[in-house]
Each structure stands twice: as C-alpha cells, then as structure tokens.
Amino acid sequence: MLETSLNQLEQLVSDLMQKNAQLAEQNAGLGEQLAQAKEENETLQLSLMEQEEKHGATAARIQALVDRASAGVASA
C-alpha cells in the first residue's frame, strides 16, 4: 500500500513538474507578445502625434488662407 501511494505521489509530482514547465514556456511566449504589443503601441502613439501635428499645421494654413481671402473680399 505504501509503495502504491509512493508511486502515485511520484507520478503526481512528475505531472506537476511537466505542467509547470509548459506554463513557464507559455508565460515566456506571452511576455514576448506583450513586449511586441507595447512596442507597437508606442509606435502608433508617435505616429498619431505626428499626424495631429500635421493636421494642426494644415488647419492653421487653411485658416490663414481663409483670413486672407476674407480680407481681400472685404477690401474690394
């Protein structure tokens, strides 16, 4: 009986160690995916900031043209 219990315990420990190794590998893969997602997020945020700056500059140029056109119409 003791031998059977010991064998079962050895099998359970072996199964747990194998599962732990699988989970550690999965965790490492998820860590890599997270790092890639963070890097992509930073890239997208920088791109968004650049686009906002470009749109702001374009809006300012358009407003300046509208103001010039309005001033030209008012003086005519």
PDB file of N, CA and C in Angstrom:
ATOM      1  N   MET A   1       0.827  -1.198   0.000  1.00  0.00           N
ATOM      2  CA  MET A   1       0.000   0.000   0.000  1.00  0.00           C
ATOM      3  C   MET A   1       0.869   1.258   0.000  1.00  0.00           C
ATOM      4  N   LEU A   2       1.887   1.268   0.842  1.00  0.00           N
ATOM      5  CA  LEU A   2       2.790   2.418   0.909  1.00  0.00           C
ATOM      6  C   LEU A   2       3.520   2.601  -0.422  1.00  0.00           C
ATOM      7  N   GLU A   3       3.892   1.477  -1.035  1.00  0.00           N
ATOM      8  CA  GLU A   3       4.585   1.529  -2.334  1.00  0.00           C
ATOM      9  C   GLU A   3       3.669   2.129  -3.401  1.00  0.00           C
ATOM     10  N   THR A   4       2.398   1.739  -3.381  1.00  0.00           N
ATOM     11  CA  THR A   4       1.422   2.273  -4.334  1.00  0.00           C
ATOM     12  C   THR A   4       1.235   3.769  -4.126  1.00  0.00           C
ATOM     13  N   SER A   5       1.114   4.201  -2.907  1.00  0.00           N
ATOM     14  CA  SER A   5       0.952   5.629  -2.603  1.00  0.00           C
ATOM     15  C   SER A   5       2.186   6.412  -3.024  1.00  0.00           C
ATOM     16  N   LEU A   6       3.360   5.832  -2.802  1.00  0.00           N
ATOM     17  CA  LEU A   6       4.601   6.498  -3.190  1.00  0.00           C
ATOM     18  C   LEU A   6       4.692   6.626  -4.704  1.00  0.00           C
ATOM     19  N   ASN A   7       4.305   5.570  -5.412  1.00  0.00           N
ATOM     20  CA  ASN A   7       4.303   5.620  -6.882  1.00  0.00           C
ATOM     21  C   ASN A   7       3.323   6.674  -7.391  1.00  0.00           C
ATOM     22  N   GLN A   8       2.155   6.744  -6.769  1.00  0.00           N
ATOM     23  CA  GLN A   8       1.170   7.746  -7.173  1.00  0.00           C
ATOM     24  C   GLN A   8       1.694   9.157  -6.916  1.00  0.00           C
ATOM     25  N   LEU A   9       2.344   9.327  -5.792  1.00  0.00           N
ATOM     26  CA  LEU A   9       2.902  10.629  -5.447  1.00  0.00           C
ATOM     27  C   LEU A   9       3.996  11.030  -6.433  1.00  0.00           C
ATOM     28  N   GLU A  10       4.845  10.066  -6.782  1.00  0.00           N
ATOM     29  CA  GLU A  10       5.895  10.342  -7.768  1.00  0.00           C
ATOM     30  C   GLU A  10       5.283  10.749  -9.104  1.00  0.00           C
ATOM     31  N   GLN A  11       4.214  10.065  -9.506  1.00  0.00           N
ATOM     32  CA  GLN A  11       3.549  10.396 -10.772  1.00  0.00           C
ATOM     33  C   GLN A  11       2.927  11.788 -10.714  1.00  0.00           C
ATOM     34  N   LEU A  12       2.293  12.110  -9.592  1.00  0.00           N
ATOM     35  CA  LEU A  12       1.692  13.438  -9.452  1.00  0.00           C
ATOM     36  C   LEU A  12       2.754  14.531  -9.502  1.00  0.00           C
ATOM     37  N   VAL A  13       3.872  14.303  -8.814  1.00  0.00           N
ATOM     38  CA  VAL A  13       4.954  15.292  -8.824  1.00  0.00           C
ATOM     39  C   VAL A  13       5.500  15.451 -10.243  1.00  0.00           C
ATOM     40  N   SER A  14       5.663  14.343 -10.931  1.00  0.00           N
ATOM     41  CA  SER A  14       6.150  14.390 -12.311  1.00  0.00           C
ATOM     42  C   SER A  14       5.171  15.160 -13.205  1.00  0.00           C
ATOM     43  N   ASP A  15       3.886  14.875 -13.059  1.00  0.00           N
ATOM     44  CA  ASP A  15       2.859  15.584 -13.841  1.00  0.00           C
ATOM     45  C   ASP A  15       2.872  17.079 -13.542  1.00  0.00           C
ATOM     46  N   LEU A  16       3.007  17.423 -12.275  1.00  0.00           N
ATOM     47  CA  LEU A  16       3.024  18.837 -11.887  1.00  0.00           C
ATOM     48  C   LEU A  16       4.260  19.547 -12.429  1.00  0.00           C
ATOM     49  N   MET A  17       5.384  18.866 -12.410  1.00  0.00           N
ATOM     50  CA  MET A  17       6.605  19.477 -12.944  1.00  0.00           C
ATOM     51  C   MET A  17       6.489  19.706 -14.452  1.00  0.00           C
ATOM     52  N   GLN A  18       5.880  18.740 -15.141  1.00  0.00           N
ATOM     53  CA  GLN A  18       5.680  18.888 -16.580  1.00  0.00           C
ATOM     54  C   GLN A  18       4.718  20.044 -16.869  1.00  0.00           C
ATOM     55  N   LYS A  19       3.647  20.115 -16.122  1.00  0.00           N
ATOM     56  CA  LYS A  19       2.677  21.201 -16.306  1.00  0.00           C
ATOM     57  C   LYS A  19       3.321  22.547 -16.000  1.00  0.00           C
ATOM     58  N   ASN A  20       4.156  22.589 -14.961  1.00  0.00           N
ATOM     59  CA  ASN A  20       4.851  23.823 -14.612  1.00  0.00           C
ATOM     60  C   ASN A  20       5.764  24.265 -15.748  1.00  0.00           C
ATOM     61  N   ALA A  21       6.468  23.318 -16.366  1.00  0.00           N
ATOM     62  CA  ALA A  21       7.344  23.651 -17.487  1.00  0.00           C
ATOM     63  C   ALA A  21       6.530  24.193 -18.662  1.00  0.00           C
ATOM     64  N   GLN A  22       5.380  23.577 -18.934  1.00  0.00           N
ATOM     65  CA  GLN A  22       4.512  24.054 -20.018  1.00  0.00           C
ATOM     66  C   GLN A  22       4.019  25.471 -19.737  1.00  0.00           C
ATOM     67  N   LEU A  23       3.611  25.709 -18.510  1.00  0.00           N
ATOM     68  CA  LEU A  23       3.109  27.039 -18.143  1.00  0.00           C
ATOM     69  C   LEU A  23       4.214  28.088 -18.196  1.00  0.00           C
ATOM     70  N   ALA A  24       5.421  27.709 -17.792  1.00  0.00           N
ATOM     71  CA  ALA A  24       6.548  28.645 -17.855  1.00  0.00           C
ATOM     72  C   ALA A  24       6.850  29.013 -19.301  1.00  0.00           C
ATOM     73  N   GLU A  25       6.792  28.028 -20.191  1.00  0.00           N
ATOM     74  CA  GLU A  25       7.018  28.287 -21.615  1.00  0.00           C
ATOM     75  C   GLU A  25       5.921  29.192 -22.184  1.00  0.00           C
ATOM     76  N   GLN A  26       4.690  28.896 -21.810  1.00  0.00           N
ATOM     77  CA  GLN A  26       3.560  29.717 -22.271  1.00  0.00           C
ATOM     78  C   GLN A  26       3.689  31.142 -21.735  1.00  0.00           C
ATOM     79  N   ASN A  27       4.091  31.277 -20.490  1.00  0.00           N
ATOM     80  CA  ASN A  27       4.268  32.590 -19.879  1.00  0.00           C
ATOM     81  C   ASN A  27       5.353  33.382 -20.604  1.00  0.00           C
ATOM     82  N   ALA A  28       6.439  32.711 -20.971  1.00  0.00           N
ATOM     83  CA  ALA A  28       7.513  33.386 -21.702  1.00  0.00           C
ATOM     84  C   ALA A  28       7.010  33.881 -23.063  1.00  0.00           C
ATOM     85  N   GLY A  29       6.221  33.048 -23.731  1.00  0.00           N
ATOM     86  CA  GLY A  29       5.657  33.459 -25.021  1.00  0.00           C
ATOM     87  C   GLY A  29       4.726  34.646 -24.875  1.00  0.00           C
ATOM     88  N   LEU A  30       3.916  34.635 -23.841  1.00  0.00           N
ATOM     89  CA  LEU A  30       3.013  35.767 -23.600  1.00  0.00           C
ATOM     90  C   LEU A  30       3.793  37.032 -23.259  1.00  0.00           C
ATOM     91  N   GLY A  31       4.901  36.864 -22.544  1.00  0.00           N
ATOM     92  CA  GLY A  31       5.750  38.014 -22.240  1.00  0.00           C
ATOM     93  C   GLY A  31       6.317  38.637 -23.503  1.00  0.00           C
ATOM     94  N   GLU A  32       6.720  37.807 -24.455  1.00  0.00           N
ATOM     95  CA  GLU A  32       7.228  38.310 -25.730  1.00  0.00           C
ATOM     96  C   GLU A  32       6.126  39.033 -26.502  1.00  0.00           C
ATOM     97  N   GLN A  33       4.939  38.445 -26.514  1.00  0.00           N
ATOM     98  CA  GLN A  33       3.814  39.090 -27.202  1.00  0.00           C
ATOM     99  C   GLN A  33       3.478  40.438 -26.569  1.00  0.00           C
ATOM    100  N   LEU A  34       3.538  40.499 -25.250  1.00  0.00           N
ATOM    101  CA  LEU A  34       3.257  41.745 -24.550  1.00  0.00           C
ATOM    102  C   LEU A  34       4.292  42.804 -24.912  1.00  0.00           C
ATOM    103  N   ALA A  35       5.555  42.417 -24.959  1.00  0.00           N
ATOM    104  CA  ALA A  35       6.615  43.361 -25.309  1.00  0.00           C
ATOM    105  C   ALA A  35       6.407  43.893 -26.729  1.00  0.00           C
ATOM    106  N   GLN A  36       6.033  43.007 -27.651  1.00  0.00           N
ATOM    107  CA  GLN A  36       5.769  43.430 -29.029  1.00  0.00           C
ATOM    108  C   GLN A  36       4.566  44.368 -29.089  1.00  0.00           C
ATOM    109  N   ALA A  37       3.526  44.063 -28.335  1.00  0.00           N
ATOM    110  CA  ALA A  37       2.331  44.911 -28.326  1.00  0.00           C
ATOM    111  C   ALA A  37       2.649  46.289 -27.760  1.00  0.00           C
ATOM    112  N   LYS A  38       3.481  46.333 -26.706  1.00  0.00           N
ATOM    113  CA  LYS A  38       3.863  47.623 -26.129  1.00  0.00           C
ATOM    114  C   LYS A  38       4.660  48.446 -27.135  1.00  0.00           C
ATOM    115  N   GLU A  39       5.572  47.784 -27.842  1.00  0.00           N
ATOM    116  CA  GLU A  39       6.377  48.492 -28.841  1.00  0.00           C
ATOM    117  C   GLU A  39       5.504  49.016 -29.970  1.00  0.00           C
ATOM    118  N   GLU A  40       4.571  48.185 -30.429  1.00  0.00           N
ATOM    119  CA  GLU A  40       3.656  48.610 -31.483  1.00  0.00           C
ATOM    120  C   GLU A  40       2.781  49.767 -31.000  1.00  0.00           C
ATOM    121  N   ASN A  41       2.334  49.713 -29.755  1.00  0.00           N
ATOM    122  CA  ASN A  41       1.521  50.776 -29.193  1.00  0.00           C
ATOM    123  C   ASN A  41       2.294  52.098 -29.169  1.00  0.00           C
ATOM    124  N   GLU A  42       3.555  52.048 -28.750  1.00  0.00           N
ATOM    125  CA  GLU A  42       4.374  53.263 -28.723  1.00  0.00           C
ATOM    126  C   GLU A  42       4.549  53.831 -30.128  1.00  0.00           C
ATOM    127  N   THR A  43       4.779  52.948 -31.097  1.00  0.00           N
ATOM    128  CA  THR A  43       4.935  53.386 -32.482  1.00  0.00           C
ATOM    129  C   THR A  43       3.659  54.054 -32.983  1.00  0.00           C
ATOM    130  N   LEU A  44       2.524  53.440 -32.670  1.00  0.00           N
ATOM    131  CA  LEU A  44       1.248  54.008 -33.107  1.00  0.00           C
ATOM    132  C   LEU A  44       0.969  55.351 -32.430  1.00  0.00           C
ATOM    133  N   GLN A  45       1.324  55.475 -31.163  1.00  0.00           N
ATOM    134  CA  GLN A  45       1.120  56.744 -30.463  1.00  0.00           C
ATOM    135  C   GLN A  45       1.982  57.849 -31.070  1.00  0.00           C
ATOM    136  N   LEU A  46       3.235  57.518 -31.394  1.00  0.00           N
ATOM    137  CA  LEU A  46       4.103  58.513 -32.029  1.00  0.00           C
ATOM    138  C   LEU A  46       3.559  58.909 -33.399  1.00  0.00           C
ATOM    139  N   SER A  47       3.086  57.931 -34.140  1.00  0.00           N
ATOM    140  CA  SER A  47       2.508  58.209 -35.452  1.00  0.00           C
ATOM    141  C   SER A  47       1.281  59.108 -35.323  1.00  0.00           C
ATOM    142  N   LEU A  48       0.454  58.829 -34.331  1.00  0.00           N
ATOM    143  CA  LEU A  48      -0.731  59.647 -34.098  1.00  0.00           C
ATOM    144  C   LEU A  48      -0.346  61.084 -33.758  1.00  0.00           C
ATOM    145  N   MET A  49       0.667  61.244 -32.916  1.00  0.00           N
ATOM    146  CA  MET A  49       1.111  62.596 -32.549  1.00  0.00           C
ATOM    147  C   MET A  49       1.624  63.347 -33.770  1.00  0.00           C
ATOM    148  N   GLU A  50       2.365  62.650 -34.654  1.00  0.00           N
ATOM    149  CA  GLU A  50       2.858  63.279 -35.874  1.00  0.00           C
ATOM    150  C   GLU A  50       1.703  63.696 -36.777  1.00  0.00           C
ATOM    151  N   GLN A  51       0.703  62.833 -36.895  1.00  0.00           N
ATOM    152  CA  GLN A  51      -0.456  63.157 -37.723  1.00  0.00           C
ATOM    153  C   GLN A  51      -1.230  64.347 -37.146  1.00  0.00           C
ATOM    154  N   GLU A  52      -1.355  64.394 -35.826  1.00  0.00           N
ATOM    155  CA  GLU A  52      -2.050  65.523 -35.202  1.00  0.00           C
ATOM    156  C   GLU A  52      -1.298  66.823 -35.459  1.00  0.00           C
ATOM    157  N   GLU A  53       0.023  66.784 -35.392  1.00  0.00           N
ATOM    158  CA  GLU A  53       0.821  67.977 -35.678  1.00  0.00           C
ATOM    159  C   GLU A  53       0.628  68.426 -37.121  1.00  0.00           C
ATOM    160  N   LYS A  54       0.654  67.456 -38.055  1.00  0.00           N
ATOM    161  CA  LYS A  54       0.458  67.783 -39.472  1.00  0.00           C
ATOM    162  C   LYS A  54      -0.933  68.370 -39.710  1.00  0.00           C
ATOM    163  N   HIS A  55      -1.939  67.767 -39.085  1.00  0.00           N
ATOM    164  CA  HIS A  55      -3.306  68.264 -39.260  1.00  0.00           C
ATOM    165  C   HIS A  55      -3.453  69.657 -38.656  1.00  0.00           C
ATOM    166  N   GLY A  56      -2.792  69.885 -37.535  1.00  0.00           N
ATOM    167  CA  GLY A  56      -2.839  71.210 -36.915  1.00  0.00           C
ATOM    168  C   GLY A  56      -2.188  72.259 -37.804  1.00  0.00           C
ATOM    169  N   ALA A  57      -1.050  71.916 -38.377  1.00  0.00           N
ATOM    170  CA  ALA A  57      -0.357  72.850 -39.272  1.00  0.00           C
ATOM    171  C   ALA A  57      -1.193  73.108 -40.523  1.00  0.00           C
ATOM    172  N   THR A  58      -1.811  72.069 -41.052  1.00  0.00           N
ATOM    173  CA  THR A  58      -2.662  72.234 -42.233  1.00  0.00           C
ATOM    174  C   THR A  58      -3.874  73.102 -41.906  1.00  0.00           C
ATOM    175  N   ALA A  59      -4.479  72.876 -40.762  1.00  0.00           N
ATOM    176  CA  ALA A  59      -5.631  73.684 -40.360  1.00  0.00           C
ATOM    177  C   ALA A  59      -5.238  75.147 -40.204  1.00  0.00           C
ATOM    178  N   ALA A  60      -4.056  75.398 -39.649  1.00  0.00           N
ATOM    179  CA  ALA A  60      -3.592  76.771 -39.484  1.00  0.00           C
ATOM    180  C   ALA A  60      -3.359  77.424 -40.841  1.00  0.00           C
ATOM    181  N   ARG A  61      -2.790  76.692 -41.783  1.00  0.00           N
ATOM    182  CA  ARG A  61      -2.561  77.244 -43.133  1.00  0.00           C
ATOM    183  C   ARG A  61      -3.885  77.544 -43.829  1.00  0.00           C
ATOM    184  N   ILE A  62      -4.848  76.633 -43.678  1.00  0.00           N
ATOM    185  CA  ILE A  62      -6.163  76.843 -44.293  1.00  0.00           C
ATOM    186  C   ILE A  62      -6.835  78.060 -43.678  1.00  0.00           C
ATOM    187  N   GLN A  63      -6.751  78.190 -42.355  1.00  0.00           N
ATOM    188  CA  GLN A  63      -7.358  79.343 -41.695  1.00  0.00           C
ATOM    189  C   GLN A  63      -6.704  80.636 -42.158  1.00  0.00           C
ATOM    190  N   ALA A  64      -5.381  80.615 -42.326  1.00  0.00           N
ATOM    191  CA  ALA A  64      -4.680  81.813 -42.808  1.00  0.00           C
ATOM    192  C   ALA A  64      -5.142  82.166 -44.214  1.00  0.00           C
ATOM    193  N   LEU A  65      -5.338  81.159 -45.057  1.00  0.00           N
ATOM    194  CA  LEU A  65      -5.822  81.430 -46.415  1.00  0.00           C
ATOM    195  C   LEU A  65      -7.246  81.978 -46.391  1.00  0.00           C
ATOM    196  N   VAL A  66      -8.084  81.422 -45.525  1.00  0.00           N
ATOM    197  CA  VAL A  66      -9.463  81.916 -45.402  1.00  0.00           C
ATOM    198  C   VAL A  66      -9.443  83.367 -44.914  1.00  0.00           C
ATOM    199  N   ASP A  67      -8.590  83.656 -43.936  1.00  0.00           N
ATOM    200  CA  ASP A  67      -8.495  85.023 -43.427  1.00  0.00           C
ATOM    201  C   ASP A  67      -8.032  85.983 -44.524  1.00  0.00           C
ATOM    202  N   ARG A  68      -7.042  85.579 -45.312  1.00  0.00           N
ATOM    203  CA  ARG A  68      -6.550  86.422 -46.404  1.00  0.00           C
ATOM    204  C   ARG A  68      -7.637  86.637 -47.448  1.00  0.00           C
ATOM    205  N   ALA A  69      -8.357  85.561 -47.754  1.00  0.00           N
ATOM    206  CA  ALA A  69      -9.435  85.673 -48.759  1.00  0.00           C
ATOM    207  C   ALA A  69     -10.540  86.590 -48.236  1.00  0.00           C
ATOM    208  N   SER A  70     -10.856  86.457 -46.947  1.00  0.00           N
ATOM    209  CA  SER A  70     -11.896  87.310 -46.356  1.00  0.00           C
ATOM    210  C   SER A  70     -11.455  88.756 -46.346  1.00  0.00           C
ATOM    211  N   ALA A  71     -10.199  89.005 -46.046  1.00  0.00           N
ATOM    212  CA  ALA A  71      -9.674  90.382 -46.020  1.00  0.00           C
ATOM    213  C   ALA A  71      -9.691  90.968 -47.434  1.00  0.00           C
ATOM    214  N   GLY A  72      -9.374  90.130 -48.432  1.00  0.00           N
ATOM    215  CA  GLY A  72      -9.387  90.578 -49.816  1.00  0.00           C
ATOM    216  C   GLY A  72     -10.782  90.923 -50.289  1.00  0.00           C
ATOM    217  N   VAL A  73     -11.767  90.167 -49.863  1.00  0.00           N
ATOM    218  CA  VAL A  73     -13.164  90.404 -50.237  1.00  0.00           C
ATOM    219  C   VAL A  73     -13.668  91.669 -49.531  1.00  0.00           C
ATOM    220  N   ALA A  74     -13.264  91.848 -48.287  1.00  0.00           N
ATOM    221  CA  ALA A  74     -13.742  92.988 -47.505  1.00  0.00           C
ATOM    222  C   ALA A  74     -13.175  94.292 -48.055  1.00  0.00           C
ATOM    223  N   SER A  75     -11.941  94.263 -48.591  1.00  0.00           N
ATOM    224  CA  SER A  75     -11.346  95.495 -49.102  1.00  0.00           C
ATOM    225  C   SER A  75     -11.772  95.788 -50.532  1.00  0.00           C
ATOM    226  N   ALA A  76     -12.371  94.831 -51.193  1.00  0.00           N
ATOM    227  CA  ALA A  76     -12.755  95.030 -52.592  1.00  0.00           C
ATOM    228  C   ALA A  76     -14.053  95.750 -52.744  1.00  0.00           C
TER     229      ALA A  76
END
